[in-house]
Amino acid sequence: MKLNEIADKPGATKLRKRVGRGIGSGLGKTGGRGVKGQKSRTGVAIKGFEGGQMPIHMRLPKRGFNALNAKDYNAVSIGRIQTAIDAGKLNGTETVNAEALKNAGVIRRIKDGVRILSDGEIKSGISFEIAGASKAATVAIEKAGGKVTIVEA
């Protein structure tokens, strides 16, 4: 076998479409675009445009529910709180609230309140004054000898 004898199998490669190369190519003149107008030209940007009429995607109503007064909570796991207590950043004897968590560096900024989640485990019995807690987190805190008080933000 020689280098000049190496070739693809017949039908392995397909010639590209050469548009606008004369009447004999079958894709001459309009180049498969039809005739005249904006759509026959390049760079057409009329995706949802309906000639000035309000486009259908804007006429149809929005789906789903997006509450205007939805609360944005800081989600904190009980494992993260236990880590802060172990590091001495959070006092285990005092009541833990959003301000205490911010001062300890557990949360960066206070949003609409703190919500405790059950990821990890807690060893010390701490009392919390927070905006909310998951059922599993409440059970874990009370099992460790703590108390959860829900405070409206």
C-alpha atoms as a PDB file:
ATOM      1  CA  MET A   1       0.000   0.000   0.000  1.00  0.00           C
ATOM      2  CA  LYS A   2       1.232   3.461  -0.902  1.00  0.00           C
ATOM      3  CA  LEU A   3       0.266   6.835   0.473  1.00  0.00           C
ATOM      4  CA  ASN A   4      -1.359   7.847  -2.795  1.00  0.00           C
ATOM      5  CA  GLU A   5      -3.587   4.770  -2.663  1.00  0.00           C
ATOM      6  CA  ILE A   6      -5.149   5.657   0.716  1.00  0.00           C
ATOM      7  CA  ALA A   7      -8.736   6.898   0.310  1.00  0.00           C
ATOM      8  CA  ASP A   8     -12.051   6.961   2.143  1.00  0.00           C
ATOM      9  CA  LYS A   9     -14.611   4.297   1.391  1.00  0.00           C
ATOM     10  CA  PRO A  10     -17.075   5.372  -1.285  1.00  0.00           C
ATOM     11  CA  GLY A  11     -19.886   7.426   0.275  1.00  0.00           C
ATOM     12  CA  ALA A  12     -17.953   8.109   3.497  1.00  0.00           C
ATOM     13  CA  THR A  13     -17.616  11.830   2.787  1.00  0.00           C
ATOM     14  CA  LYS A  14     -20.290  14.092   1.427  1.00  0.00           C
ATOM     15  CA  LEU A  15     -19.590  17.204  -0.612  1.00  0.00           C
ATOM     16  CA  ARG A  16     -20.760  20.435   0.999  1.00  0.00           C
ATOM     17  CA  LYS A  17     -23.586  22.420  -0.543  1.00  0.00           C
ATOM     18  CA  ARG A  18     -22.147  25.222  -2.712  1.00  0.00           C
ATOM     19  CA  VAL A  19     -24.898  27.798  -2.711  1.00  0.00           C
ATOM     20  CA  GLY A  20     -25.148  30.597  -5.273  1.00  0.00           C
ATOM     21  CA  ARG A  21     -22.819  29.079  -7.880  1.00  0.00           C
ATOM     22  CA  GLY A  22     -24.915  29.303 -10.981  1.00  0.00           C
ATOM     23  CA  ILE A  23     -28.112  27.932 -12.458  1.00  0.00           C
ATOM     24  CA  GLY A  24     -26.643  24.480 -13.161  1.00  0.00           C
ATOM     25  CA  SER A  25     -25.942  23.796  -9.476  1.00  0.00           C
ATOM     26  CA  GLY A  26     -29.650  23.833  -8.613  1.00  0.00           C
ATOM     27  CA  LEU A  27     -28.885  26.323  -5.845  1.00  0.00           C
ATOM     28  CA  GLY A  28     -28.063  29.381  -7.935  1.00  0.00           C
ATOM     29  CA  LYS A  29     -29.708  32.822  -8.068  1.00  0.00           C
ATOM     30  CA  THR A  30     -31.718  32.906  -4.793  1.00  0.00           C
ATOM     31  CA  GLY A  31     -29.581  30.184  -3.206  1.00  0.00           C
ATOM     32  CA  GLY A  32     -32.482  28.187  -1.762  1.00  0.00           C
ATOM     33  CA  ARG A  33     -33.861  31.203   0.123  1.00  0.00           C
ATOM     34  CA  GLY A  34     -36.935  31.862  -1.991  1.00  0.00           C
ATOM     35  CA  VAL A  35     -37.334  35.327  -3.452  1.00  0.00           C
ATOM     36  CA  LYS A  36     -36.781  38.861  -2.136  1.00  0.00           C
ATOM     37  CA  GLY A  37     -37.565  40.360   1.229  1.00  0.00           C
ATOM     38  CA  GLN A  38     -35.911  40.508   4.627  1.00  0.00           C
ATOM     39  CA  LYS A  39     -35.756  36.747   5.113  1.00  0.00           C
ATOM     40  CA  SER A  40     -33.830  36.269   1.878  1.00  0.00           C
ATOM     41  CA  ARG A  41     -31.006  38.380   3.292  1.00  0.00           C
ATOM     42  CA  THR A  42     -28.428  37.599   5.937  1.00  0.00           C
ATOM     43  CA  GLY A  43     -28.641  38.751   9.580  1.00  0.00           C
ATOM     44  CA  VAL A  44     -32.407  38.489   9.980  1.00  0.00           C
ATOM     45  CA  ALA A  45     -33.466  39.173  13.567  1.00  0.00           C
ATOM     46  CA  ILE A  46     -37.236  38.884  13.579  1.00  0.00           C
ATOM     47  CA  LYS A  47     -37.724  35.948  15.937  1.00  0.00           C
ATOM     48  CA  GLY A  48     -40.907  36.990  17.728  1.00  0.00           C
ATOM     49  CA  PHE A  49     -41.670  40.080  15.668  1.00  0.00           C
ATOM     50  CA  GLU A  50     -45.205  40.239  14.297  1.00  0.00           C
ATOM     51  CA  GLY A  51     -45.126  43.455  12.312  1.00  0.00           C
ATOM     52  CA  GLY A  52     -45.689  45.700  15.304  1.00  0.00           C
ATOM     53  CA  GLN A  53     -48.578  43.629  16.671  1.00  0.00           C
ATOM     54  CA  MET A  54     -48.015  42.487  20.252  1.00  0.00           C
ATOM     55  CA  PRO A  55     -46.092  39.172  19.916  1.00  0.00           C
ATOM     56  CA  ILE A  56     -47.872  36.008  21.080  1.00  0.00           C
ATOM     57  CA  HIS A  57     -45.336  35.308  23.825  1.00  0.00           C
ATOM     58  CA  MET A  58     -46.183  38.703  25.333  1.00  0.00           C
ATOM     59  CA  ARG A  59     -49.949  38.323  24.853  1.00  0.00           C
ATOM     60  CA  LEU A  60     -50.106  35.030  26.731  1.00  0.00           C
ATOM     61  CA  PRO A  61     -50.231  35.128  30.553  1.00  0.00           C
ATOM     62  CA  LYS A  62     -47.235  34.251  32.702  1.00  0.00           C
ATOM     63  CA  ARG A  63     -47.182  30.790  34.254  1.00  0.00           C
ATOM     64  CA  GLY A  64     -46.531  29.850  37.838  1.00  0.00           C
ATOM     65  CA  PHE A  65     -46.723  31.903  40.989  1.00  0.00           C
ATOM     66  CA  ASN A  66     -44.147  34.475  41.960  1.00  0.00           C
ATOM     67  CA  ALA A  67     -45.133  36.049  45.258  1.00  0.00           C
ATOM     68  CA  LEU A  68     -44.304  39.738  45.485  1.00  0.00           C
ATOM     69  CA  ASN A  69     -43.861  39.524  49.256  1.00  0.00           C
ATOM     70  CA  ALA A  70     -41.947  36.216  49.384  1.00  0.00           C
ATOM     71  CA  LYS A  71     -39.476  35.956  52.255  1.00  0.00           C
ATOM     72  CA  ASP A  72     -35.802  35.290  51.632  1.00  0.00           C
ATOM     73  CA  TYR A  73     -34.349  33.329  54.552  1.00  0.00           C
ATOM     74  CA  ASN A  74     -30.788  32.512  55.557  1.00  0.00           C
ATOM     75  CA  ALA A  75     -30.608  28.702  55.519  1.00  0.00           C
ATOM     76  CA  VAL A  76     -28.247  27.407  58.207  1.00  0.00           C
ATOM     77  CA  SER A  77     -27.596  23.753  59.015  1.00  0.00           C
ATOM     78  CA  ILE A  78     -27.335  22.523  62.595  1.00  0.00           C
ATOM     79  CA  GLY A  79     -23.941  21.040  61.693  1.00  0.00           C
ATOM     80  CA  ARG A  80     -22.668  24.510  60.772  1.00  0.00           C
ATOM     81  CA  ILE A  81     -23.915  25.890  64.104  1.00  0.00           C
ATOM     82  CA  GLN A  82     -22.188  23.061  66.012  1.00  0.00           C
ATOM     83  CA  THR A  83     -18.941  23.848  64.147  1.00  0.00           C
ATOM     84  CA  ALA A  84     -19.201  27.504  65.243  1.00  0.00           C
ATOM     85  CA  ILE A  85     -19.790  26.426  68.863  1.00  0.00           C
ATOM     86  CA  ASP A  86     -16.810  24.052  68.758  1.00  0.00           C
ATOM     87  CA  ALA A  87     -14.629  26.849  67.341  1.00  0.00           C
ATOM     88  CA  GLY A  88     -15.736  29.161  70.175  1.00  0.00           C
ATOM     89  CA  LYS A  89     -17.332  31.686  67.839  1.00  0.00           C
ATOM     90  CA  LEU A  90     -20.835  31.048  69.151  1.00  0.00           C
ATOM     91  CA  ASN A  91     -21.767  30.974  72.843  1.00  0.00           C
ATOM     92  CA  GLY A  92     -23.658  27.759  73.602  1.00  0.00           C
ATOM     93  CA  THR A  93     -25.243  29.100  76.781  1.00  0.00           C
ATOM     94  CA  GLU A  94     -26.950  32.167  75.296  1.00  0.00           C
ATOM     95  CA  THR A  95     -30.000  32.247  73.038  1.00  0.00           C
ATOM     96  CA  VAL A  96     -29.003  32.003  69.385  1.00  0.00           C
ATOM     97  CA  ASN A  97     -30.705  34.424  67.005  1.00  0.00           C
ATOM     98  CA  ALA A  98     -29.906  35.999  63.612  1.00  0.00           C
ATOM     99  CA  GLU A  99     -27.709  38.696  65.173  1.00  0.00           C
ATOM    100  CA  ALA A 100     -25.633  36.130  67.113  1.00  0.00           C
ATOM    101  CA  LEU A 101     -25.136  34.036  63.959  1.00  0.00           C
ATOM    102  CA  LYS A 102     -23.998  37.125  62.023  1.00  0.00           C
ATOM    103  CA  ASN A 103     -21.523  38.112  64.749  1.00  0.00           C
ATOM    104  CA  ALA A 104     -20.177  34.539  64.800  1.00  0.00           C
ATOM    105  CA  GLY A 105     -19.649  34.631  61.025  1.00  0.00           C
ATOM    106  CA  VAL A 106     -22.095  31.797  60.335  1.00  0.00           C
ATOM    107  CA  ILE A 107     -24.185  34.035  58.061  1.00  0.00           C
ATOM    108  CA  ARG A 108     -22.917  36.998  56.077  1.00  0.00           C
ATOM    109  CA  ARG A 109     -25.977  39.244  56.232  1.00  0.00           C
ATOM    110  CA  ILE A 110     -29.378  39.024  57.878  1.00  0.00           C
ATOM    111  CA  LYS A 111     -32.101  38.666  55.259  1.00  0.00           C
ATOM    112  CA  ASP A 112     -35.745  38.096  56.310  1.00  0.00           C
ATOM    113  CA  GLY A 113     -34.736  35.750  59.108  1.00  0.00           C
ATOM    114  CA  VAL A 114     -32.895  32.494  59.714  1.00  0.00           C
ATOM    115  CA  ARG A 115     -34.214  29.027  58.958  1.00  0.00           C
ATOM    116  CA  ILE A 116     -32.459  26.054  60.549  1.00  0.00           C
ATOM    117  CA  LEU A 117     -32.037  22.867  58.489  1.00  0.00           C
ATOM    118  CA  SER A 118     -31.164  19.383  59.742  1.00  0.00           C
ATOM    119  CA  ASP A 119     -27.918  18.770  57.849  1.00  0.00           C
ATOM    120  CA  GLY A 120     -25.296  17.493  60.288  1.00  0.00           C
ATOM    121  CA  GLU A 121     -25.766  16.873  64.010  1.00  0.00           C
ATOM    122  CA  ILE A 122     -25.861  19.032  67.111  1.00  0.00           C
ATOM    123  CA  LYS A 123     -24.462  17.987  70.486  1.00  0.00           C
ATOM    124  CA  SER A 124     -25.121  20.971  72.732  1.00  0.00           C
ATOM    125  CA  GLY A 125     -28.557  21.983  73.969  1.00  0.00           C
ATOM    126  CA  ILE A 126     -29.050  25.524  72.686  1.00  0.00           C
ATOM    127  CA  SER A 127     -32.161  27.665  72.624  1.00  0.00           C
ATOM    128  CA  PHE A 128     -32.948  29.315  69.303  1.00  0.00           C
ATOM    129  CA  GLU A 129     -35.048  32.383  68.489  1.00  0.00           C
ATOM    130  CA  ILE A 130     -35.393  32.142  64.720  1.00  0.00           C
ATOM    131  CA  ALA A 131     -37.831  32.640  61.842  1.00  0.00           C
ATOM    132  CA  GLY A 132     -38.208  28.928  61.098  1.00  0.00           C
ATOM    133  CA  ALA A 133     -36.815  25.414  61.339  1.00  0.00           C
ATOM    134  CA  SER A 134     -37.422  22.165  59.521  1.00  0.00           C
ATOM    135  CA  LYS A 135     -39.188  19.364  61.421  1.00  0.00           C
ATOM    136  CA  ALA A 136     -36.053  17.205  61.426  1.00  0.00           C
ATOM    137  CA  ALA A 137     -33.931  20.106  62.725  1.00  0.00           C
ATOM    138  CA  THR A 138     -36.441  20.859  65.505  1.00  0.00           C
ATOM    139  CA  VAL A 139     -36.440  17.197  66.564  1.00  0.00           C
ATOM    140  CA  ALA A 140     -32.607  17.066  66.560  1.00  0.00           C
ATOM    141  CA  ILE A 141     -32.312  20.276  68.618  1.00  0.00           C
ATOM    142  CA  GLU A 142     -34.901  19.161  71.193  1.00  0.00           C
ATOM    143  CA  LYS A 143     -33.268  15.712  71.378  1.00  0.00           C
ATOM    144  CA  ALA A 144     -29.957  17.429  72.272  1.00  0.00           C
ATOM    145  CA  GLY A 145     -31.758  19.352  75.050  1.00  0.00           C
ATOM    146  CA  GLY A 146     -32.316  22.610  73.188  1.00  0.00           C
ATOM    147  CA  LYS A 147     -35.398  24.689  72.462  1.00  0.00           C
ATOM    148  CA  VAL A 148     -36.702  26.267  69.248  1.00  0.00           C
ATOM    149  CA  THR A 149     -38.802  29.447  69.443  1.00  0.00           C
ATOM    150  CA  ILE A 150     -40.260  30.729  66.187  1.00  0.00           C
ATOM    151  CA  VAL A 151     -40.167  34.526  65.975  1.00  0.00           C
ATOM    152  CA  GLU A 152     -41.994  36.533  63.305  1.00  0.00           C
ATOM    153  CA  ALA A 153     -39.547  38.655  61.318  1.00  0.00           C
END
